[in-house]
Amino acid sequence: MSALQQEALVGLSQVQIPFGTHACLLYDDEAERQQMIAEFIKEGVEAGERVGYFTDAMTPEQGRTMFTQMGVMGGSVHHDAFHFIDTNQICRGYGSFEPNEFIDRLYAFCSSATKRGYLGARICGEMSWSLKSVDGRNRLINYEAEVSNVIESSPASAICQYDFRLFGTKMIADVIRVHPVIIINGMIIQNPFYVDPDEFVEQA
């Protein structure tokens, strides 16, 4: 079985997300978010995947502490298997959002996972950083469409995290259009409103 045929498992729902899937988690309950993401990450680490976590609401240090307390990180997990990426640094203090910088980082992480001996990559991203920059708001959806292209061509799966309490209805509607899979209330849904990334960029 090839890496692209391997499957990642989201524990709360016991529904499989295959490599190549770009999903978004829509939530308004922090405890539920933490549990869902912790199980998604833990199963990836146990399966031999390399995890990349894009932080914003918490710092990388806070993330390490939280996931250690939740049993995701421990002495048996090699530090290279769980990598934190600080979006603050990429956005240069939230003064500028350069989608290509994010895409380049994402592509490099995904493509390097198998070279390092991992089965593939598992990506999680807190998306609240986009609200801190006008550039982020205006360019986020096109960026997400490009993320789908990277994930679909890689032995990787990804979950972008969107807090209902922070993002407006219109933004959430646009976010849904560029994610083929939606996770909400513990359920994983194949998105009937999904628009192919290339088609979406042409329409934008």
Foldseek 3Di string as FASTA:
>chain_A
DALQADWQAQPLQRDIDGFLFEEEEEDADPVVVLNRVLSSQQRQQVQQAAEEEEDDVDDPVVVVVSSVVVVSDDPVRDPRRYHYDYVCVVCVNLAHDDLVSVLVVVLVRQVCGVVVPGSTYEYEYELPSLVSHPNSQVCVLLSLLVVSVSRNVGSYYYYYYDYPVRDDPVSVVSNLQRGQWYAYPSDIDRRPNHDRSVVVVVVD
